[in-house]
Protein backbone atom coordinates (compact mmCIF):
# COMPACT_ATOMS: atom_id res chain seq x y z
CA MET A 1 13.64 -11.06 -26.37
CA ARG A 2 12.20 -14.79 -26.69
CA ILE A 3 11.35 -16.40 -23.22
CA LEU A 4 10.22 -19.64 -22.57
CA VAL A 5 7.68 -19.57 -19.72
CA THR A 6 7.01 -23.54 -18.25
CA GLY A 7 3.97 -24.28 -15.85
CA ASN A 8 2.77 -20.65 -18.24
CA MET A 9 -1.11 -22.47 -17.53
CA GLY A 10 -0.35 -22.14 -14.29
CA TYR A 11 -1.79 -19.63 -11.89
CA VAL A 12 1.35 -17.37 -11.69
CA GLY A 13 2.16 -18.56 -15.42
CA SER A 14 -1.20 -16.75 -16.67
CA VAL A 15 -0.38 -13.56 -15.25
CA LEU A 16 3.27 -13.44 -16.06
CA THR A 17 2.55 -14.37 -19.82
CA PRO A 18 0.95 -11.51 -20.90
CA PHE A 19 2.54 -9.30 -18.08
CA LEU A 20 6.05 -9.96 -19.82
CA ALA A 21 3.90 -9.77 -24.02
CA ASP A 22 3.08 -6.46 -23.10
CA ARG A 23 6.88 -5.35 -22.68
CA GLY A 24 7.31 -6.34 -26.10
CA HIS A 25 8.91 -9.59 -25.72
CA GLU A 26 8.33 -13.49 -27.70
CA VAL A 27 6.87 -15.64 -25.37
CA TRP A 28 6.59 -19.18 -25.54
CA GLY A 29 4.83 -21.32 -22.93
CA TYR A 30 5.48 -25.21 -22.10
CA ASP A 31 3.10 -27.01 -19.38
CA ALA A 32 1.79 -30.72 -19.22
CA GLY A 33 -1.41 -28.79 -18.71
CA PHE A 34 -2.50 -30.44 -15.32
CA TYR A 35 -4.23 -27.10 -14.99
CA LYS A 36 -5.62 -26.30 -18.56
CA GLU A 37 -8.75 -25.96 -17.47
CA CYS A 38 -9.65 -24.19 -14.01
CA LEU A 39 -10.14 -21.09 -15.54
CA LEU A 40 -11.84 -18.53 -12.82
CA GLY A 41 -14.93 -18.29 -16.03
CA GLY A 42 -14.38 -17.39 -19.97
CA GLU A 43 -11.57 -16.96 -22.30
CA PHE A 44 -8.64 -15.92 -21.61
CA ASP A 45 -5.52 -14.95 -23.87
CA PRO A 46 -2.35 -16.34 -22.47
CA ARG A 47 -0.52 -14.04 -25.59
CA VAL A 48 1.77 -17.11 -25.88
CA ALA A 49 3.54 -17.25 -29.81
CA ARG A 50 4.40 -20.70 -29.42
CA GLN A 51 2.64 -23.27 -26.81
CA ILE A 52 4.16 -26.59 -26.39
CA VAL A 53 2.22 -28.61 -24.20
CA LYS A 54 4.71 -31.22 -21.93
CA ASP A 55 6.25 -32.43 -19.49
CA VAL A 56 8.96 -31.06 -17.95
CA ARG A 57 11.25 -34.81 -17.55
CA ARG A 58 10.14 -35.05 -20.76
CA VAL A 59 12.47 -32.42 -22.31
CA GLU A 60 14.87 -32.05 -25.26
CA PRO A 61 17.33 -29.73 -25.93
CA ALA A 62 15.36 -29.32 -29.24
CA ASP A 63 12.74 -28.02 -27.96
CA LEU A 64 14.29 -25.12 -26.74
CA GLU A 65 15.73 -24.96 -29.90
CA GLY A 66 15.64 -20.39 -30.30
CA VAL A 67 14.43 -19.52 -26.68
CA GLN A 68 17.30 -16.87 -25.64
CA ALA A 69 15.93 -17.00 -21.81
CA ILE A 70 13.79 -19.38 -19.69
CA VAL A 71 11.30 -18.63 -17.10
CA HIS A 72 10.86 -21.64 -14.75
CA LEU A 73 7.82 -22.03 -12.48
CA ALA A 74 7.29 -25.73 -13.13
CA ALA A 75 6.40 -27.21 -10.07
CA LEU A 76 4.14 -29.27 -7.56
CA SER A 77 3.58 -25.89 -6.85
CA ASN A 78 2.44 -26.24 -2.42
CA ASP A 79 3.17 -27.65 0.75
CA PRO A 80 0.35 -30.60 0.75
CA THR A 81 0.68 -31.24 -2.88
CA GLY A 82 4.19 -31.55 -2.90
CA GLU A 83 3.68 -34.11 0.70
CA LEU A 84 1.85 -35.80 -2.76
CA ASN A 85 4.42 -38.18 -2.87
CA PRO A 86 7.45 -37.05 -1.70
CA GLY A 87 9.50 -38.57 -4.36
CA LEU A 88 7.44 -38.02 -7.67
CA THR A 89 8.41 -34.07 -5.54
CA ASP A 90 11.86 -34.74 -6.27
CA ALA A 91 11.00 -36.22 -9.25
CA ILE A 92 8.97 -33.61 -11.16
CA ASN A 93 10.47 -30.32 -8.40
CA THR A 94 14.39 -30.92 -8.35
CA GLN A 95 15.14 -33.19 -11.25
CA GLY A 96 12.63 -32.03 -13.98
CA THR A 97 13.95 -28.64 -13.19
CA ARG A 98 17.86 -29.92 -13.49
CA ARG A 99 17.07 -31.17 -16.71
CA MET A 100 15.01 -28.17 -17.92
CA ALA A 101 18.03 -26.40 -16.81
CA GLU A 102 20.42 -28.76 -18.79
CA ALA A 103 18.83 -28.61 -22.69
CA ALA A 104 18.70 -25.03 -21.91
CA ARG A 105 22.30 -24.83 -21.60
CA ALA A 106 22.25 -27.21 -24.66
CA ALA A 107 20.24 -25.07 -26.75
CA GLY A 108 21.73 -22.18 -26.20
CA ALA A 109 19.27 -19.87 -23.45
CA GLY A 110 22.26 -18.28 -21.59
CA ARG A 111 20.05 -17.06 -19.29
CA MET A 112 17.02 -18.56 -16.84
CA VAL A 113 15.14 -17.58 -13.85
CA LEU A 114 13.69 -19.95 -11.88
CA ALA A 115 10.75 -19.04 -8.96
CA SER A 116 12.37 -20.41 -5.91
CA SER A 117 10.58 -20.06 -2.57
CA CYS A 118 11.31 -18.44 1.02
CA SER A 119 10.22 -21.19 2.21
CA ILE A 120 13.57 -22.53 2.44
CA TYR A 121 13.72 -20.44 5.79
CA GLY A 122 11.30 -23.12 7.16
CA GLN A 123 11.07 -22.36 10.63
CA SER A 124 13.24 -19.75 11.93
CA ASP A 125 13.20 -16.62 15.01
CA GLN A 126 16.02 -14.74 14.23
CA GLY A 127 15.12 -11.14 12.76
CA ALA A 128 14.68 -10.55 9.14
CA LEU A 129 16.38 -13.78 6.87
CA THR A 130 18.56 -12.59 4.09
CA GLU A 131 19.62 -14.61 1.26
CA GLU A 132 22.79 -15.78 3.50
CA ALA A 133 20.37 -17.22 6.38
CA PRO A 134 20.82 -21.68 6.67
CA PHE A 135 18.20 -23.29 4.93
CA ASN A 136 15.68 -25.21 7.48
CA PRO A 137 13.28 -26.51 5.06
CA GLN A 138 10.54 -28.19 7.02
CA THR A 139 8.56 -29.76 3.09
CA ALA A 140 9.63 -31.76 0.28
CA TYR A 141 8.04 -28.76 -1.61
CA ALA A 142 10.94 -26.62 0.43
CA ARG A 143 13.18 -29.08 -0.02
CA SER A 144 13.02 -28.95 -3.45
CA LYS A 145 13.62 -25.41 -3.66
CA VAL A 146 16.97 -25.70 -1.80
CA ASP A 147 18.68 -28.46 -3.56
CA GLY A 148 16.04 -27.27 -7.22
CA GLU A 149 18.70 -24.06 -6.77
CA ALA A 150 21.60 -26.41 -5.95
CA ALA A 151 21.28 -28.14 -9.59
CA LEU A 152 21.29 -24.81 -11.39
CA THR A 153 24.35 -23.39 -9.36
CA ARG A 154 26.50 -26.33 -10.69
CA LEU A 155 25.66 -26.02 -13.74
CA ALA A 156 26.29 -21.72 -13.76
CA ASP A 157 29.22 -20.71 -16.40
CA ASP A 158 29.82 -17.57 -18.72
CA ARG A 159 27.49 -18.84 -21.22
CA PHE A 160 24.66 -19.48 -18.78
CA SER A 161 23.68 -17.05 -16.03
CA PRO A 162 21.02 -19.30 -13.70
CA VAL A 163 19.36 -17.05 -11.32
CA PHE A 164 16.87 -17.92 -7.91
CA LEU A 165 13.89 -15.78 -6.85
CA ARG A 166 13.07 -17.11 -3.44
CA PHE A 167 9.05 -15.30 -4.18
CA ALA A 168 7.37 -14.84 -0.74
CA THR A 169 3.81 -16.64 -0.49
CA ALA A 170 1.51 -15.78 -3.59
CA TYR A 171 -1.26 -13.96 -3.60
CA GLY A 172 -4.24 -12.42 -5.67
CA LEU A 173 -6.45 -12.40 -9.02
CA SER A 174 -4.72 -14.68 -11.90
CA PRO A 175 -6.94 -16.18 -14.63
CA ARG A 176 -5.93 -19.08 -13.47
CA LEU A 177 -7.11 -18.18 -9.60
CA ARG A 178 -5.31 -20.43 -6.35
CA PHE A 179 -7.07 -21.35 -3.11
CA ASP A 180 -4.61 -23.33 -1.42
CA ILE A 181 -2.60 -20.34 -0.88
CA ALA A 182 -3.02 -17.79 2.85
CA VAL A 183 -4.29 -15.33 1.41
CA ASN A 184 -6.93 -15.94 -1.14
CA ASN A 185 -8.20 -18.89 0.83
CA LEU A 186 -9.05 -16.92 3.71
CA THR A 187 -10.66 -14.79 1.26
CA GLY A 188 -12.21 -16.85 -0.07
CA TRP A 189 -13.10 -18.66 2.87
CA GLY A 190 -14.47 -15.21 4.43
CA PHE A 191 -16.55 -14.65 0.54
CA THR A 192 -18.32 -17.65 0.86
CA THR A 193 -19.27 -18.92 4.25
CA GLY A 194 -18.80 -15.60 6.38
CA LYS A 195 -16.11 -17.44 9.02
CA VAL A 196 -12.00 -16.67 8.34
CA LYS A 197 -11.09 -19.39 9.02
CA LEU A 198 -7.75 -20.53 9.57
CA MET A 199 -6.27 -23.62 10.39
CA SER A 200 -3.81 -23.00 12.66
CA ASP A 201 -3.46 -20.52 15.60
CA GLY A 202 -2.35 -17.81 13.13
CA ARG A 203 0.61 -16.22 14.70
CA ALA A 204 3.06 -17.70 12.05
CA TRP A 205 4.65 -15.75 10.35
CA ARG A 206 4.63 -15.71 6.81
CA PRO A 207 5.80 -12.55 3.97
CA MET A 208 3.48 -11.94 1.26
CA VAL A 209 3.94 -11.60 -2.71
CA HIS A 210 1.18 -10.44 -5.25
CA VAL A 211 1.00 -12.36 -8.67
CA GLU A 212 1.68 -8.72 -10.17
CA ASP A 213 4.34 -8.51 -8.37
CA MET A 214 5.88 -11.31 -9.15
CA ALA A 215 5.78 -11.08 -12.77
CA ARG A 216 7.38 -7.35 -11.94
CA ALA A 217 10.74 -9.01 -10.37
CA ILE A 218 10.56 -12.36 -13.29
CA ALA A 219 10.85 -9.60 -16.09
CA ALA A 220 13.29 -6.63 -14.56
CA ALA A 221 15.97 -10.23 -13.56
CA LEU A 222 15.51 -11.17 -17.43
CA GLU A 223 15.85 -7.93 -19.37
CA ALA A 224 18.74 -7.15 -16.29
CA PRO A 225 23.15 -7.55 -16.89
CA ALA A 226 23.90 -10.43 -17.07
CA GLU A 227 26.73 -9.55 -14.03
CA ALA A 228 24.08 -8.88 -11.75
CA VAL A 229 22.30 -12.04 -11.98
CA HIS A 230 24.64 -14.25 -11.95
CA ALA A 231 24.08 -17.41 -10.32
CA ARG A 232 22.46 -15.06 -7.69
CA ALA A 233 19.41 -15.70 -5.42
CA LEU A 234 17.21 -13.01 -4.40
CA ASN A 235 15.04 -12.61 -1.72
CA ILE A 236 11.42 -11.06 -3.38
CA GLY A 237 9.00 -8.78 -1.68
CA ALA A 238 9.11 -6.53 0.66
CA GLU A 239 9.76 -5.86 4.32
CA SER A 240 5.95 -4.70 5.25
CA GLU A 241 4.45 -7.11 3.47
CA ASN A 242 5.62 -9.92 6.26
CA TYR A 243 2.66 -10.87 8.54
CA GLN A 244 1.06 -12.89 11.14
CA ILE A 245 -1.44 -14.83 9.65
CA ARG A 246 -4.15 -13.72 12.13
CA ASP A 247 -3.32 -10.41 11.35
CA ILE A 248 -4.07 -11.56 7.39
CA ALA A 249 -7.26 -12.97 8.78
CA ASN A 250 -8.73 -10.25 10.46
CA THR A 251 -7.54 -7.59 7.60
CA VAL A 252 -10.60 -9.94 5.49
CA ALA A 253 -12.84 -9.67 8.18
CA GLU A 254 -12.24 -5.50 7.89
CA VAL A 255 -13.32 -5.69 3.48
CA VAL A 256 -15.43 -8.07 3.29
CA PRO A 257 -18.27 -7.74 4.60
CA GLY A 258 -20.79 -9.52 8.16
CA CYS A 259 -17.25 -11.37 8.73
CA GLU A 260 -15.37 -13.25 11.60
CA VAL A 261 -13.04 -14.38 12.46
CA THR A 262 -12.86 -18.58 13.55
CA PHE A 263 -9.65 -21.40 13.96
CA ALA A 264 -10.88 -24.24 12.75
CA GLU A 265 -10.71 -27.60 15.54
CA GLY A 266 -7.90 -28.30 16.66
CA ALA A 267 -5.67 -25.40 15.63
CA SER A 268 -2.45 -25.79 16.73
CA ALA A 269 0.53 -23.84 15.77
CA ASP A 270 2.44 -24.01 12.15
CA ASN A 271 6.28 -24.70 12.54
CA ARG A 272 6.10 -22.66 8.92
CA THR A 273 7.42 -18.91 10.84
CA TYR A 274 10.00 -16.85 8.99
CA ASN A 275 10.40 -13.28 8.98
CA VAL A 276 12.40 -12.19 5.48
CA SER A 277 14.59 -9.03 4.29
CA PHE A 278 14.51 -7.92 1.12
CA ALA A 279 17.37 -5.46 1.44
CA LYS A 280 18.95 -7.23 -1.37
CA VAL A 281 16.60 -7.14 -3.94
CA ARG A 282 16.49 -3.24 -3.98
CA ARG A 283 20.07 -3.07 -4.50
CA VAL A 284 20.93 -6.04 -7.28
CA LEU A 285 17.10 -5.14 -9.37
CA PRO A 286 16.52 -1.07 -8.61
CA ALA A 287 14.12 -1.77 -11.45
CA PHE A 288 11.64 -4.12 -9.43
CA ALA A 289 9.45 -1.87 -6.95
CA PRO A 290 6.58 -3.57 -5.58
CA GLN A 291 3.09 -2.30 -6.63
CA TRP A 292 0.83 -4.41 -4.31
CA ASN A 293 -0.10 -4.55 -0.27
CA VAL A 294 -1.70 -7.66 1.20
CA ARG A 295 -4.76 -5.52 2.19
CA ARG A 296 -5.66 -4.24 -1.31
CA GLY A 297 -5.01 -8.05 -2.72
CA ILE A 298 -7.49 -8.21 0.07
CA GLU A 299 -9.85 -6.43 -1.82
CA GLN A 300 -9.37 -6.78 -5.75
CA LEU A 301 -9.70 -10.25 -4.88
CA HIS A 302 -13.34 -9.41 -2.80
CA ARG A 303 -14.30 -7.29 -6.43
CA ALA A 304 -13.76 -10.10 -8.26
CA PHE A 305 -15.67 -12.94 -6.19
CA ARG A 306 -19.18 -9.96 -6.11
CA GLU A 307 -18.32 -10.25 -10.31
CA ALA A 308 -17.98 -13.17 -10.84
CA GLY A 309 -20.92 -14.73 -8.44
CA LEU A 310 -18.32 -17.29 -6.45
CA THR A 311 -19.54 -20.24 -4.26
CA PHE A 312 -19.03 -22.12 -1.34
CA GLU A 313 -18.78 -25.35 -3.71
CA GLN A 314 -16.65 -23.38 -6.60
CA PHE A 315 -14.44 -22.31 -3.43
CA ASP A 316 -14.22 -25.69 -1.95
CA GLY A 317 -14.20 -27.41 -5.65
CA ARG A 318 -10.93 -29.30 -7.59
CA PHE A 319 -10.89 -26.24 -10.39
CA TYR A 320 -8.56 -23.85 -8.19
CA THR A 321 -7.14 -26.06 -5.30
CA ARG A 322 -4.19 -27.91 -7.02
CA LEU A 323 -4.65 -31.30 -5.22
CA LYS A 324 -7.49 -31.84 -5.53
CA GLN A 325 -6.67 -31.40 -9.77
CA LEU A 326 -4.23 -33.69 -9.17
CA ARG A 327 -5.93 -36.24 -7.51
CA TYR A 328 -9.36 -36.12 -9.95
CA LEU A 329 -6.97 -36.13 -12.63
CA MET A 330 -5.31 -39.80 -11.18
CA GLU A 331 -8.49 -41.35 -10.18
CA GLY A 332 -9.80 -40.45 -13.21
CA ALA A 333 -7.43 -42.41 -15.32
CA ARG A 334 -6.06 -39.66 -16.96
CA VAL A 335 -2.60 -39.40 -15.43
CA ASP A 336 -0.65 -42.25 -13.99
CA GLU A 337 0.88 -42.19 -10.65
CA MET A 338 3.69 -40.72 -11.52
CA LEU A 339 1.73 -37.91 -13.99
CA PHE A 340 2.02 -38.70 -17.15
CA TRP A 341 -0.83 -38.65 -19.20
CA ARG A 342 -2.02 -41.88 -20.62
């Protein structure tokens, strides 16, 4: 299958593209290039047959000619980045998603996998939330995922099958690493400072999923029969991987020698707290079986940090924090206020 991956030069895309290529697919990349230089050491072979460097807000059907399926990862990718400019988040995450879907449909791509998020559930004290749970988005990023799903649902027909994968919070090693997501951030703090620094009181619940398991879920959604996934939403993760943030911090302290758990000054409750059910994906995508848990992921990150000789300056730098990288591009006038390249 010829598959185009948007955001292929990002955190998830850098793991997904070689994963799909190894499964025998022809992979095309589509990326604006904001994070192209943000590699953790050395060269990286993305295994793409064709690379398109272009903003999703400017996609045309001709860009996608000959593509059979789309995996749409490209987005302003976490809550702090989303709050940089909520209007910009809507333009890229919502309107860009809609434009990509319209172009895909016009070009004859039959399947589109949207990287959605469990963050759309936002804040809930209910038990494990199913895909039918009410949305309660707490951030511009989460609201954009609600709107993106709605936009693609309206486009679904017998020739165009979108599927919405609501991922748990990502973690794990990638050639384009991120330190602005919980497990990676806490492990980075522990390794570079000896202190596992919590910015909240750590009581919030959050489901977690390893980036390699995200790739497994995407492959399963691409390869499933259309009738199994057509216009369906699926939570992606495992019940055993719902954690309180403080428990993740304590696990980091157990794995990384000489660490202690600390709290930032004024740390308070995080209003983003939810516990998620993953029963539906087990029924709908039996080929998807998560292979990772958070402890193994922390051990993987710890080994990689040792091998790379990760310093605090690197951990705290712009390459591995999306908001810092975007601000760097804006302050250097390499992109304008709407994140178009100058």
